[in-house]
Amino acid sequence: MFLPELKDAEDPLPSFPDLEQRLQPVLPCRSLKESIEVYKNHCKMANEFNQVKHEIARLEDRKMELMAELLEDEKASMEFARLEEEYRILTEENRNLITVHSQRAQQLETLRVISQKRQGSS
């Protein structure tokens, strides 16, 4: 965006609306080659500064997106761990219930056999 040459006052000069006033390039003294070179360099640096500033803003936005995703992932991970623990507890409870059911079924069968023997002996 810097000018190859500053010919006359009708040439459009670059503007940097996002740049603080104190950092704006100062118009050169057109009769001094060094002044024009300094101005061109300043314009080039202002462009680079704007690009870096926009890139930083873009990266900060991306950082916020990633942080939000991380928070969601952490919530999902915590929910998964909670469900995993609940599953472990329920599986253990199920095993215990199956064992108790088996024991009670065996006791019932034993009581039936005893009851049948008593009825058969009477």
PDB file of N, CA and C in Angstrom:
ATOM      1  N   MET A   1       0.811  -1.183   0.000  1.00  0.00           N
ATOM      2  CA  MET A   1       0.000   0.000   0.000  1.00  0.00           C
ATOM      3  C   MET A   1       0.863   1.257   0.000  1.00  0.00           C
ATOM      4  N   PHE A   2       2.170   1.102   0.182  1.00  0.00           N
ATOM      5  CA  PHE A   2       3.019   2.295   0.156  1.00  0.00           C
ATOM      6  C   PHE A   2       3.224   2.741  -1.283  1.00  0.00           C
ATOM      7  N   LEU A   3       3.510   3.994  -1.453  1.00  0.00           N
ATOM      8  CA  LEU A   3       3.589   4.584  -2.788  1.00  0.00           C
ATOM      9  C   LEU A   3       4.976   4.401  -3.391  1.00  0.00           C
ATOM     10  N   PRO A   4       5.044   3.975  -4.647  1.00  0.00           N
ATOM     11  CA  PRO A   4       6.356   3.865  -5.281  1.00  0.00           C
ATOM     12  C   PRO A   4       7.003   5.238  -5.435  1.00  0.00           C
ATOM     13  N   GLU A   5       6.195   6.203  -5.717  1.00  0.00           N
ATOM     14  CA  GLU A   5       6.706   7.576  -5.821  1.00  0.00           C
ATOM     15  C   GLU A   5       5.615   8.521  -5.366  1.00  0.00           C
ATOM     16  N   LEU A   6       6.024   9.630  -4.819  1.00  0.00           N
ATOM     17  CA  LEU A   6       5.061  10.673  -4.478  1.00  0.00           C
ATOM     18  C   LEU A   6       5.221  11.755  -5.532  1.00  0.00           C
ATOM     19  N   LYS A   7       4.333  11.788  -6.523  1.00  0.00           N
ATOM     20  CA  LYS A   7       4.500  12.707  -7.647  1.00  0.00           C
ATOM     21  C   LYS A   7       3.866  14.052  -7.372  1.00  0.00           C
ATOM     22  N   ASP A   8       2.567  14.026  -7.093  1.00  0.00           N
ATOM     23  CA  ASP A   8       1.913  15.314  -6.845  1.00  0.00           C
ATOM     24  C   ASP A   8       0.831  15.142  -5.794  1.00  0.00           C
ATOM     25  N   ALA A   9       0.249  16.230  -5.428  1.00  0.00           N
ATOM     26  CA  ALA A   9      -0.720  16.251  -4.337  1.00  0.00           C
ATOM     27  C   ALA A   9      -2.013  15.534  -4.701  1.00  0.00           C
ATOM     28  N   GLU A  10      -2.223  15.211  -5.971  1.00  0.00           N
ATOM     29  CA  GLU A  10      -3.454  14.555  -6.381  1.00  0.00           C
ATOM     30  C   GLU A  10      -3.390  13.043  -6.158  1.00  0.00           C
ATOM     31  N   ASP A  11      -2.197  12.480  -5.971  1.00  0.00           N
ATOM     32  CA  ASP A  11      -2.070  11.048  -5.704  1.00  0.00           C
ATOM     33  C   ASP A  11      -2.772  10.711  -4.393  1.00  0.00           C
ATOM     34  N   PRO A  12      -3.568   9.622  -4.400  1.00  0.00           N
ATOM     35  CA  PRO A  12      -4.215   9.251  -3.139  1.00  0.00           C
ATOM     36  C   PRO A  12      -3.158   8.737  -2.153  1.00  0.00           C
ATOM     37  N   LEU A  13      -3.183   9.273  -0.967  1.00  0.00           N
ATOM     38  CA  LEU A  13      -2.228   8.853   0.060  1.00  0.00           C
ATOM     39  C   LEU A  13      -2.854   7.745   0.895  1.00  0.00           C
ATOM     40  N   PRO A  14      -2.053   6.800   1.289  1.00  0.00           N
ATOM     41  CA  PRO A  14      -2.614   5.714   2.094  1.00  0.00           C
ATOM     42  C   PRO A  14      -3.129   6.250   3.429  1.00  0.00           C
ATOM     43  N   SER A  15      -4.217   5.633   3.886  1.00  0.00           N
ATOM     44  CA  SER A  15      -4.740   6.018   5.198  1.00  0.00           C
ATOM     45  C   SER A  15      -4.768   4.780   6.075  1.00  0.00           C
ATOM     46  N   PHE A  16      -4.668   5.010   7.349  1.00  0.00           N
ATOM     47  CA  PHE A  16      -4.626   3.925   8.324  1.00  0.00           C
ATOM     48  C   PHE A  16      -5.605   4.246   9.451  1.00  0.00           C
ATOM     49  N   PRO A  17      -6.913   4.065   9.179  1.00  0.00           N
ATOM     50  CA  PRO A  17      -7.923   4.461  10.164  1.00  0.00           C
ATOM     51  C   PRO A  17      -7.838   3.677  11.480  1.00  0.00           C
ATOM     52  N   ASP A  18      -7.321   2.460  11.439  1.00  0.00           N
ATOM     53  CA  ASP A  18      -7.219   1.651  12.658  1.00  0.00           C
ATOM     54  C   ASP A  18      -6.004   2.013  13.499  1.00  0.00           C
ATOM     55  N   LEU A  19      -5.138   2.818  12.948  1.00  0.00           N
ATOM     56  CA  LEU A  19      -3.887   3.154  13.623  1.00  0.00           C
ATOM     57  C   LEU A  19      -4.079   4.391  14.502  1.00  0.00           C
ATOM     58  N   GLU A  20      -3.526   4.335  15.709  1.00  0.00           N
ATOM     59  CA  GLU A  20      -3.605   5.493  16.607  1.00  0.00           C
ATOM     60  C   GLU A  20      -3.031   6.714  15.909  1.00  0.00           C
ATOM     61  N   GLN A  21      -3.558   7.865  16.275  1.00  0.00           N
ATOM     62  CA  GLN A  21      -3.116   9.119  15.645  1.00  0.00           C
ATOM     63  C   GLN A  21      -1.602   9.312  15.782  1.00  0.00           C
ATOM     64  N   ARG A  22      -1.064   8.991  16.947  1.00  0.00           N
ATOM     65  CA  ARG A  22       0.365   9.211  17.178  1.00  0.00           C
ATOM     66  C   ARG A  22       1.245   8.291  16.331  1.00  0.00           C
ATOM     67  N   LEU A  23       0.660   7.227  15.787  1.00  0.00           N
ATOM     68  CA  LEU A  23       1.422   6.284  14.964  1.00  0.00           C
ATOM     69  C   LEU A  23       1.197   6.487  13.467  1.00  0.00           C
ATOM     70  N   GLN A  24       0.330   7.418  13.106  1.00  0.00           N
ATOM     71  CA  GLN A  24       0.046   7.682  11.694  1.00  0.00           C
ATOM     72  C   GLN A  24       1.298   8.218  10.991  1.00  0.00           C
ATOM     73  N   PRO A  25       1.547   7.769   9.756  1.00  0.00           N
ATOM     74  CA  PRO A  25       2.677   8.321   8.994  1.00  0.00           C
ATOM     75  C   PRO A  25       2.494   9.829   8.768  1.00  0.00           C
ATOM     76  N   VAL A  26       3.558  10.555   8.964  1.00  0.00           N
ATOM     77  CA  VAL A  26       3.547  12.012   8.746  1.00  0.00           C
ATOM     78  C   VAL A  26       3.925  12.259   7.293  1.00  0.00           C
ATOM     79  N   LEU A  27       3.170  13.135   6.645  1.00  0.00           N
ATOM     80  CA  LEU A  27       3.457  13.429   5.236  1.00  0.00           C
ATOM     81  C   LEU A  27       4.892  13.915   5.078  1.00  0.00           C
ATOM     82  N   PRO A  28       5.535  13.446   4.021  1.00  0.00           N
ATOM     83  CA  PRO A  28       6.947  13.792   3.834  1.00  0.00           C
ATOM     84  C   PRO A  28       7.137  15.185   3.239  1.00  0.00           C
ATOM     85  N   CYS A  29       8.330  15.610   3.358  1.00  0.00           N
ATOM     86  CA  CYS A  29       8.744  16.810   2.640  1.00  0.00           C
ATOM     87  C   CYS A  29       9.081  16.303   1.235  1.00  0.00           C
ATOM     88  N   ARG A  30       8.279  16.680   0.238  1.00  0.00           N
ATOM     89  CA  ARG A  30       8.390  16.105  -1.103  1.00  0.00           C
ATOM     90  C   ARG A  30       9.697  16.464  -1.800  1.00  0.00           C
ATOM     91  N   SER A  31      10.346  17.455  -1.321  1.00  0.00           N
ATOM     92  CA  SER A  31      11.599  17.858  -1.979  1.00  0.00           C
ATOM     93  C   SER A  31      12.797  17.052  -1.474  1.00  0.00           C
ATOM     94  N   LEU A  32      12.593  16.289  -0.384  1.00  0.00           N
ATOM     95  CA  LEU A  32      13.706  15.493   0.153  1.00  0.00           C
ATOM     96  C   LEU A  32      13.465  14.009  -0.091  1.00  0.00           C
ATOM     97  N   LYS A  33      14.388  13.413  -0.812  1.00  0.00           N
ATOM     98  CA  LYS A  33      14.284  11.986  -1.136  1.00  0.00           C
ATOM     99  C   LYS A  33      14.249  11.140   0.143  1.00  0.00           C
ATOM    100  N   GLU A  34      15.084  11.505   1.109  1.00  0.00           N
ATOM    101  CA  GLU A  34      15.139  10.748   2.370  1.00  0.00           C
ATOM    102  C   GLU A  34      13.806  10.816   3.112  1.00  0.00           C
ATOM    103  N   SER A  35      13.157  11.974   3.070  1.00  0.00           N
ATOM    104  CA  SER A  35      11.872  12.144   3.733  1.00  0.00           C
ATOM    105  C   SER A  35      10.817  11.245   3.088  1.00  0.00           C
ATOM    106  N   ILE A  36      10.874  11.167   1.769  1.00  0.00           N
ATOM    107  CA  ILE A  36       9.935  10.301   1.044  1.00  0.00           C
ATOM    108  C   ILE A  36      10.202   8.837   1.384  1.00  0.00           C
ATOM    109  N   GLU A  37      11.447   8.453   1.464  1.00  0.00           N
ATOM    110  CA  GLU A  37      11.804   7.066   1.814  1.00  0.00           C
ATOM    111  C   GLU A  37      11.333   6.718   3.232  1.00  0.00           C
ATOM    112  N   VAL A  38      11.538   7.647   4.156  1.00  0.00           N
ATOM    113  CA  VAL A  38      11.078   7.431   5.532  1.00  0.00           C
ATOM    114  C   VAL A  38       9.559   7.266   5.546  1.00  0.00           C
ATOM    115  N   TYR A  39       8.874   8.115   4.781  1.00  0.00           N
ATOM    116  CA  TYR A  39       7.419   8.030   4.714  1.00  0.00           C
ATOM    117  C   TYR A  39       6.976   6.681   4.143  1.00  0.00           C
ATOM    118  N   LYS A  40       7.615   6.248   3.056  1.00  0.00           N
ATOM    119  CA  LYS A  40       7.270   4.951   2.452  1.00  0.00           C
ATOM    120  C   LYS A  40       7.489   3.816   3.446  1.00  0.00           C
ATOM    121  N   ASN A  41       8.635   3.865   4.132  1.00  0.00           N
ATOM    122  CA  ASN A  41       8.925   2.829   5.134  1.00  0.00           C
ATOM    123  C   ASN A  41       7.904   2.856   6.263  1.00  0.00           C
ATOM    124  N   HIS A  42       7.542   4.052   6.684  1.00  0.00           N
ATOM    125  CA  HIS A  42       6.550   4.187   7.741  1.00  0.00           C
ATOM    126  C   HIS A  42       5.210   3.602   7.292  1.00  0.00           C
ATOM    127  N   CYS A  43       4.799   3.885   6.049  1.00  0.00           N
ATOM    128  CA  CYS A  43       3.554   3.321   5.508  1.00  0.00           C
ATOM    129  C   CYS A  43       3.618   1.795   5.448  1.00  0.00           C
ATOM    130  N   LYS A  44       4.755   1.289   5.027  1.00  0.00           N
ATOM    131  CA  LYS A  44       4.934  -0.163   4.960  1.00  0.00           C
ATOM    132  C   LYS A  44       4.815  -0.772   6.361  1.00  0.00           C
ATOM    133  N   MET A  45       5.468  -0.145   7.339  1.00  0.00           N
ATOM    134  CA  MET A  45       5.391  -0.647   8.718  1.00  0.00           C
ATOM    135  C   MET A  45       3.971  -0.527   9.262  1.00  0.00           C
ATOM    136  N   ALA A  46       3.267   0.535   8.892  1.00  0.00           N
ATOM    137  CA  ALA A  46       1.879   0.700   9.341  1.00  0.00           C
ATOM    138  C   ALA A  46       1.008  -0.415   8.774  1.00  0.00           C
ATOM    139  N   ASN A  47       1.225  -0.753   7.516  1.00  0.00           N
ATOM    140  CA  ASN A  47       0.491  -1.883   6.910  1.00  0.00           C
ATOM    141  C   ASN A  47       0.790  -3.184   7.641  1.00  0.00           C
ATOM    142  N   GLU A  48       2.050  -3.443   7.875  1.00  0.00           N
ATOM    143  CA  GLU A  48       2.446  -4.661   8.582  1.00  0.00           C
ATOM    144  C   GLU A  48       1.858  -4.686   9.989  1.00  0.00           C
ATOM    145  N   PHE A  49       1.866  -3.536  10.662  1.00  0.00           N
ATOM    146  CA  PHE A  49       1.299  -3.426  11.998  1.00  0.00           C
ATOM    147  C   PHE A  49      -0.192  -3.777  11.969  1.00  0.00           C
ATOM    148  N   ASN A  50      -0.915  -3.234  10.976  1.00  0.00           N
ATOM    149  CA  ASN A  50      -2.346  -3.541  10.851  1.00  0.00           C
ATOM    150  C   ASN A  50      -2.572  -5.025  10.607  1.00  0.00           C
ATOM    151  N   GLN A  51      -1.742  -5.614   9.753  1.00  0.00           N
ATOM    152  CA  GLN A  51      -1.885  -7.045   9.474  1.00  0.00           C
ATOM    153  C   GLN A  51      -1.647  -7.867  10.736  1.00  0.00           C
ATOM    154  N   VAL A  52      -0.611  -7.517  11.466  1.00  0.00           N
ATOM    155  CA  VAL A  52      -0.306  -8.239  12.704  1.00  0.00           C
ATOM    156  C   VAL A  52      -1.431  -8.051  13.720  1.00  0.00           C
ATOM    157  N   LYS A  53      -1.925  -6.828  13.821  1.00  0.00           N
ATOM    158  CA  LYS A  53      -3.019  -6.528  14.756  1.00  0.00           C
ATOM    159  C   LYS A  53      -4.263  -7.346  14.414  1.00  0.00           C
ATOM    160  N   HIS A  54      -4.600  -7.430  13.119  1.00  0.00           N
ATOM    161  CA  HIS A  54      -5.755  -8.221  12.698  1.00  0.00           C
ATOM    162  C   HIS A  54      -5.517  -9.714  12.934  1.00  0.00           C
ATOM    163  N   GLU A  55      -4.304 -10.155  12.700  1.00  0.00           N
ATOM    164  CA  GLU A  55      -3.970 -11.568  12.943  1.00  0.00           C
ATOM    165  C   GLU A  55      -4.073 -11.890  14.429  1.00  0.00           C
ATOM    166  N   ILE A  56      -3.617 -11.005  15.270  1.00  0.00           N
ATOM    167  CA  ILE A  56      -3.731 -11.204  16.722  1.00  0.00           C
ATOM    168  C   ILE A  56      -5.199 -11.294  17.118  1.00  0.00           C
ATOM    169  N   ALA A  57      -6.028 -10.399  16.585  1.00  0.00           N
ATOM    170  CA  ALA A  57      -7.458 -10.418  16.896  1.00  0.00           C
ATOM    171  C   ALA A  57      -8.087 -11.732  16.437  1.00  0.00           C
ATOM    172  N   ARG A  58      -7.706 -12.168  15.229  1.00  0.00           N
ATOM    173  CA  ARG A  58      -8.234 -13.440  14.712  1.00  0.00           C
ATOM    174  C   ARG A  58      -7.805 -14.601  15.600  1.00  0.00           C
ATOM    175  N   LEU A  59      -6.540 -14.602  16.009  1.00  0.00           N
ATOM    176  CA  LEU A  59      -6.032 -15.674  16.864  1.00  0.00           C
ATOM    177  C   LEU A  59      -6.680 -15.641  18.251  1.00  0.00           C
ATOM    178  N   GLU A  60      -6.941 -14.455  18.761  1.00  0.00           N
ATOM    179  CA  GLU A  60      -7.630 -14.358  20.056  1.00  0.00           C
ATOM    180  C   GLU A  60      -9.049 -14.902  19.953  1.00  0.00           C
ATOM    181  N   ASP A  61      -9.733 -14.618  18.839  1.00  0.00           N
ATOM    182  CA  ASP A  61     -11.068 -15.181  18.621  1.00  0.00           C
ATOM    183  C   ASP A  61     -10.999 -16.702  18.567  1.00  0.00           C
ATOM    184  N   ARG A  62     -10.013 -17.200  17.847  1.00  0.00           N
ATOM    185  CA  ARG A  62      -9.853 -18.666  17.736  1.00  0.00           C
ATOM    186  C   ARG A  62      -9.537 -19.266  19.102  1.00  0.00           C
ATOM    187  N   LYS A  63      -8.715 -18.570  19.880  1.00  0.00           N
ATOM    188  CA  LYS A  63      -8.390 -19.032  21.226  1.00  0.00           C
ATOM    189  C   LYS A  63      -9.665 -19.150  22.058  1.00  0.00           C
ATOM    190  N   MET A  64     -10.536 -18.150  21.963  1.00  0.00           N
ATOM    191  CA  MET A  64     -11.792 -18.185  22.718  1.00  0.00           C
ATOM    192  C   MET A  64     -12.661 -19.358  22.259  1.00  0.00           C
ATOM    193  N   GLU A  65     -12.700 -19.591  20.951  1.00  0.00           N
ATOM    194  CA  GLU A  65     -13.461 -20.731  20.434  1.00  0.00           C
ATOM    195  C   GLU A  65     -12.915 -22.042  20.986  1.00  0.00           C
ATOM    196  N   LEU A  66     -11.596 -22.181  20.958  1.00  0.00           N
ATOM    197  CA  LEU A  66     -10.961 -23.400  21.448  1.00  0.00           C
ATOM    198  C   LEU A  66     -11.170 -23.576  22.946  1.00  0.00           C
ATOM    199  N   MET A  67     -11.128 -22.475  23.696  1.00  0.00           N
ATOM    200  CA  MET A  67     -11.366 -22.563  25.128  1.00  0.00           C
ATOM    201  C   MET A  67     -12.801 -23.013  25.412  1.00  0.00           C
ATOM    202  N   ALA A  68     -13.752 -22.509  24.619  1.00  0.00           N
ATOM    203  CA  ALA A  68     -15.145 -22.926  24.773  1.00  0.00           C
ATOM    204  C   ALA A  68     -15.291 -24.416  24.448  1.00  0.00           C
ATOM    205  N   GLU A  69     -14.617 -24.854  23.386  1.00  0.00           N
ATOM    206  CA  GLU A  69     -14.646 -26.280  23.032  1.00  0.00           C
ATOM    207  C   GLU A  69     -14.025 -27.127  24.132  1.00  0.00           C
ATOM    208  N   LEU A  70     -12.918 -26.645  24.694  1.00  0.00           N
ATOM    209  CA  LEU A  70     -12.254 -27.369  25.767  1.00  0.00           C
ATOM    210  C   LEU A  70     -13.173 -27.494  26.976  1.00  0.00           C
ATOM    211  N   LEU A  71     -13.856 -26.425  27.312  1.00  0.00           N
ATOM    212  CA  LEU A  71     -14.788 -26.453  28.431  1.00  0.00           C
ATOM    213  C   LEU A  71     -15.895 -27.469  28.175  1.00  0.00           C
ATOM    214  N   GLU A  72     -16.423 -27.488  26.955  1.00  0.00           N
ATOM    215  CA  GLU A  72     -17.454 -28.468  26.603  1.00  0.00           C
ATOM    216  C   GLU A  72     -16.901 -29.886  26.690  1.00  0.00           C
ATOM    217  N   ASP A  73     -15.672 -30.076  26.205  1.00  0.00           N
ATOM    218  CA  ASP A  73     -15.045 -31.399  26.280  1.00  0.00           C
ATOM    219  C   ASP A  73     -14.846 -31.835  27.722  1.00  0.00           C
ATOM    220  N   GLU A  74     -14.439 -30.897  28.577  1.00  0.00           N
ATOM    221  CA  GLU A  74     -14.247 -31.222  29.990  1.00  0.00           C
ATOM    222  C   GLU A  74     -15.572 -31.596  30.639  1.00  0.00           C
ATOM    223  N   LYS A  75     -16.636 -30.862  30.297  1.00  0.00           N
ATOM    224  CA  LYS A  75     -17.963 -31.204  30.825  1.00  0.00           C
ATOM    225  C   LYS A  75     -18.382 -32.595  30.367  1.00  0.00           C
ATOM    226  N   ALA A  76     -18.164 -32.873  29.075  1.00  0.00           N
ATOM    227  CA  ALA A  76     -18.519 -34.191  28.530  1.00  0.00           C
ATOM    228  C   ALA A  76     -17.693 -35.278  29.193  1.00  0.00           C
ATOM    229  N   SER A  77     -16.423 -34.990  29.437  1.00  0.00           N
ATOM    230  CA  SER A  77     -15.549 -35.964  30.086  1.00  0.00           C
ATOM    231  C   SER A  77     -16.018 -36.244  31.512  1.00  0.00           C
ATOM    232  N   MET A  78     -16.406 -35.187  32.227  1.00  0.00           N
ATOM    233  CA  MET A  78     -16.907 -35.361  33.587  1.00  0.00           C
ATOM    234  C   MET A  78     -18.209 -36.159  33.589  1.00  0.00           C
ATOM    235  N   GLU A  79     -19.082 -35.877  32.624  1.00  0.00           N
ATOM    236  CA  GLU A  79     -20.339 -36.620  32.513  1.00  0.00           C
ATOM    237  C   GLU A  79     -20.060 -38.077  32.172  1.00  0.00           C
ATOM    238  N   PHE A  80     -19.109 -38.310  31.289  1.00  0.00           N
ATOM    239  CA  PHE A  80     -18.741 -39.681  30.939  1.00  0.00           C
ATOM    240  C   PHE A  80     -18.212 -40.426  32.165  1.00  0.00           C
ATOM    241  N   ALA A  81     -17.355 -39.773  32.939  1.00  0.00           N
ATOM    242  CA  ALA A  81     -16.805 -40.396  34.146  1.00  0.00           C
ATOM    243  C   ALA A  81     -17.921 -40.696  35.145  1.00  0.00           C
ATOM    244  N   ARG A  82     -18.874 -39.764  35.284  1.00  0.00           N
ATOM    245  CA  ARG A  82     -20.002 -39.981  36.201  1.00  0.00           C
ATOM    246  C   ARG A  82     -20.838 -41.177  35.744  1.00  0.00           C
ATOM    247  N   LEU A  83     -21.110 -41.237  34.443  1.00  0.00           N
ATOM    248  CA  LEU A  83     -21.896 -42.357  33.909  1.00  0.00           C
ATOM    249  C   LEU A  83     -21.148 -43.676  34.023  1.00  0.00           C
ATOM    250  N   GLU A  84     -19.836 -43.621  33.824  1.00  0.00           N
ATOM    251  CA  GLU A  84     -19.009 -44.815  33.965  1.00  0.00           C
ATOM    252  C   GLU A  84     -19.082 -45.350  35.403  1.00  0.00           C
ATOM    253  N   GLU A  85     -18.988 -44.446  36.380  1.00  0.00           N
ATOM    254  CA  GLU A  85     -19.072 -44.830  37.790  1.00  0.00           C
ATOM    255  C   GLU A  85     -20.464 -45.364  38.113  1.00  0.00           C
ATOM    256  N   GLU A  86     -21.480 -44.710  37.592  1.00  0.00           N
ATOM    257  CA  GLU A  86     -22.853 -45.184  37.815  1.00  0.00           C
ATOM    258  C   GLU A  86     -23.027 -46.576  37.216  1.00  0.00           C
ATOM    259  N   TYR A  87     -22.469 -46.803  36.043  1.00  0.00           N
ATOM    260  CA  TYR A  87     -22.548 -48.121  35.408  1.00  0.00           C
ATOM    261  C   TYR A  87     -21.837 -49.174  36.254  1.00  0.00           C
ATOM    262  N   ARG A  88     -20.653 -48.815  36.775  1.00  0.00           N
ATOM    263  CA  ARG A  88     -19.908 -49.752  37.617  1.00  0.00           C
ATOM    264  C   ARG A  88     -20.719 -50.131  38.850  1.00  0.00           C
ATOM    265  N   ILE A  89     -21.318 -49.126  39.479  1.00  0.00           N
ATOM    266  CA  ILE A  89     -22.116 -49.374  40.689  1.00  0.00           C
ATOM    267  C   ILE A  89     -23.323 -50.250  40.359  1.00  0.00           C
ATOM    268  N   LEU A  90     -24.017 -49.936  39.270  1.00  0.00           N
ATOM    269  CA  LEU A  90     -25.203 -50.713  38.890  1.00  0.00           C
ATOM    270  C   LEU A  90     -24.832 -52.138  38.473  1.00  0.00           C
ATOM    271  N   THR A  91     -23.693 -52.295  37.818  1.00  0.00           N
ATOM    272  CA  THR A  91     -23.237 -53.638  37.433  1.00  0.00           C
ATOM    273  C   THR A  91     -22.950 -54.475  38.683  1.00  0.00           C
ATOM    274  N   GLU A  92     -22.291 -53.863  39.663  1.00  0.00           N
ATOM    275  CA  GLU A  92     -22.009 -54.559  40.918  1.00  0.00           C
ATOM    276  C   GLU A  92     -23.311 -54.909  41.648  1.00  0.00           C
ATOM    277  N   GLU A  93     -24.231 -53.969  41.668  1.00  0.00           N
ATOM    278  CA  GLU A  93     -25.531 -54.220  42.308  1.00  0.00           C
ATOM    279  C   GLU A  93     -26.267 -55.348  41.591  1.00  0.00           C
ATOM    280  N   ASN A  94     -26.174 -55.364  40.265  1.00  0.00           N
ATOM    281  CA  ASN A  94     -26.814 -56.417  39.477  1.00  0.00           C
ATOM    282  C   ASN A  94     -26.206 -57.786  39.818  1.00  0.00           C
ATOM    283  N   ARG A  95     -24.873 -57.840  39.903  1.00  0.00           N
ATOM    284  CA  ARG A  95     -24.212 -59.099  40.275  1.00  0.00           C
ATOM    285  C   ARG A  95     -24.692 -59.574  41.649  1.00  0.00           C
ATOM    286  N   ASN A  96     -24.758 -58.639  42.590  1.00  0.00           N
ATOM    287  CA  ASN A  96     -25.220 -58.994  43.934  1.00  0.00           C
ATOM    288  C   ASN A  96     -26.658 -59.504  43.912  1.00  0.00           C
ATOM    289  N   LEU A  97     -27.513 -58.842  43.140  1.00  0.00           N
ATOM    290  CA  LEU A  97     -28.910 -59.279  43.046  1.00  0.00           C
ATOM    291  C   LEU A  97     -29.031 -60.655  42.391  1.00  0.00           C
ATOM    292  N   ILE A  98     -28.219 -60.902  41.389  1.00  0.00           N
ATOM    293  CA  ILE A  98     -28.225 -62.221  40.736  1.00  0.00           C
ATOM    294  C   ILE A  98     -27.790 -63.289  41.734  1.00  0.00           C
ATOM    295  N   THR A  99     -26.762 -62.980  42.529  1.00  0.00           N
ATOM    296  CA  THR A  99     -26.278 -63.927  43.546  1.00  0.00           C
ATOM    297  C   THR A  99     -27.372 -64.194  44.585  1.00  0.00           C
ATOM    298  N   VAL A 100     -27.990 -63.138  45.084  1.00  0.00           N
ATOM    299  CA  VAL A 100     -29.063 -63.297  46.084  1.00  0.00           C
ATOM    300  C   VAL A 100     -30.224 -64.070  45.487  1.00  0.00           C
ATOM    301  N   HIS A 101     -30.592 -63.755  44.232  1.00  0.00           N
ATOM    302  CA  HIS A 101     -31.685 -64.470  43.582  1.00  0.00           C
ATOM    303  C   HIS A 101     -31.364 -65.965  43.482  1.00  0.00           C
ATOM    304  N   SER A 102     -30.142 -66.254  43.094  1.00  0.00           N
ATOM    305  CA  SER A 102     -29.722 -67.649  42.971  1.00  0.00           C
ATOM    306  C   SER A 102     -29.784 -68.356  44.320  1.00  0.00           C
ATOM    307  N   GLN A 103     -29.298 -67.682  45.362  1.00  0.00           N
ATOM    308  CA  GLN A 103     -29.337 -68.267  46.709  1.00  0.00           C
ATOM    309  C   GLN A 103     -30.773 -68.507  47.167  1.00  0.00           C
ATOM    310  N   ARG A 104     -31.656 -67.542  46.917  1.00  0.00           N
ATOM    311  CA  ARG A 104     -33.066 -67.674  47.338  1.00  0.00           C
ATOM    312  C   ARG A 104     -33.754 -68.780  46.544  1.00  0.00           C
ATOM    313  N   ALA A 105     -33.432 -68.883  45.277  1.00  0.00           N
ATOM    314  CA  ALA A 105     -34.017 -69.952  44.462  1.00  0.00           C
ATOM    315  C   ALA A 105     -33.564 -71.304  44.989  1.00  0.00           C
ATOM    316  N   GLN A 106     -32.295 -71.390  45.380  1.00  0.00           N
ATOM    317  CA  GLN A 106     -31.777 -72.639  45.940  1.00  0.00           C
ATOM    318  C   GLN A 106     -32.455 -72.952  47.279  1.00  0.00           C
ATOM    319  N   GLN A 107     -32.617 -71.948  48.125  1.00  0.00           N
ATOM    320  CA  GLN A 107     -33.305 -72.130  49.406  1.00  0.00           C
ATOM    321  C   GLN A 107     -34.744 -72.570  49.185  1.00  0.00           C
ATOM    322  N   LEU A 108     -35.424 -71.958  48.209  1.00  0.00           N
ATOM    323  CA  LEU A 108     -36.807 -72.323  47.909  1.00  0.00           C
ATOM    324  C   LEU A 108     -36.895 -73.775  47.464  1.00  0.00           C
ATOM    325  N   GLU A 109     -35.965 -74.175  46.629  1.00  0.00           N
ATOM    326  CA  GLU A 109     -35.950 -75.573  46.158  1.00  0.00           C
ATOM    327  C   GLU A 109     -35.716 -76.527  47.329  1.00  0.00           C
ATOM    328  N   THR A 110     -34.805 -76.142  48.230  1.00  0.00           N
ATOM    329  CA  THR A 110     -34.537 -76.968  49.409  1.00  0.00           C
ATOM    330  C   THR A 110     -35.800 -77.078  50.269  1.00  0.00           C
ATOM    331  N   LEU A 111     -36.497 -75.960  50.471  1.00  0.00           N
ATOM    332  CA  LEU A 111     -37.733 -75.984  51.268  1.00  0.00           C
ATOM    333  C   LEU A 111     -38.814 -76.811  50.589  1.00  0.00           C
ATOM    334  N   ARG A 112     -38.895 -76.808  49.275  1.00  0.00           N
ATOM    335  CA  ARG A 112     -39.885 -77.635  48.555  1.00  0.00           C
ATOM    336  C   ARG A 112     -39.593 -79.119  48.783  1.00  0.00           C
ATOM    337  N   VAL A 113     -38.294 -79.453  48.678  1.00  0.00           N
ATOM    338  CA  VAL A 113     -37.911 -80.858  48.875  1.00  0.00           C
ATOM    339  C   VAL A 113     -38.275 -81.292  50.289  1.00  0.00           C
ATOM    340  N   ILE A 114     -37.949 -80.449  51.266  1.00  0.00           N
ATOM    341  CA  ILE A 114     -38.268 -80.780  52.671  1.00  0.00           C
ATOM    342  C   ILE A 114     -39.775 -80.883  52.839  1.00  0.00           C
ATOM    343  N   SER A 115     -40.525 -79.971  52.237  1.00  0.00           N
ATOM    344  CA  SER A 115     -41.982 -79.976  52.357  1.00  0.00           C
ATOM    345  C   SER A 115     -42.565 -81.221  51.713  1.00  0.00           C
ATOM    346  N   GLN A 116     -42.028 -81.623  50.564  1.00  0.00           N
ATOM    347  CA  GLN A 116     -42.532 -82.829  49.891  1.00  0.00           C
ATOM    348  C   GLN A 116     -42.227 -84.069  50.716  1.00  0.00           C
ATOM    349  N   LYS A 117     -41.074 -84.121  51.374  1.00  0.00           N
ATOM    350  CA  LYS A 117     -40.707 -85.278  52.207  1.00  0.00           C
ATOM    351  C   LYS A 117     -41.662 -85.388  53.400  1.00  0.00           C
ATOM    352  N   ARG A 118     -42.011 -84.215  53.970  1.00  0.00           N
ATOM    353  CA  ARG A 118     -42.933 -84.210  55.114  1.00  0.00           C
ATOM    354  C   ARG A 118     -44.313 -84.677  54.689  1.00  0.00           C
ATOM    355  N   GLN A 119     -44.748 -84.204  53.526  1.00  0.00           N
ATOM    356  CA  GLN A 119     -46.070 -84.618  53.042  1.00  0.00           C
ATOM    357  C   GLN A 119     -46.075 -86.094  52.656  1.00  0.00           C
ATOM    358  N   GLY A 120     -44.978 -86.566  52.163  1.00  0.00           N
ATOM    359  CA  GLY A 120     -44.867 -87.968  51.758  1.00  0.00           C
ATOM    360  C   GLY A 120     -44.792 -88.899  52.949  1.00  0.00           C
ATOM    361  N   SER A 121     -44.265 -88.425  54.067  1.00  0.00           N
ATOM    362  CA  SER A 121     -44.137 -89.279  55.245  1.00  0.00           C
ATOM    363  C   SER A 121     -45.409 -89.266  56.095  1.00  0.00           C
ATOM    364  N   SER A 122     -46.331 -88.380  55.821  1.00  0.00           N
ATOM    365  CA  SER A 122     -47.545 -88.354  56.633  1.00  0.00           C
ATOM    366  C   SER A 122     -48.596 -89.314  56.171  1.00  0.00           C
TER     367      SER A 122
END
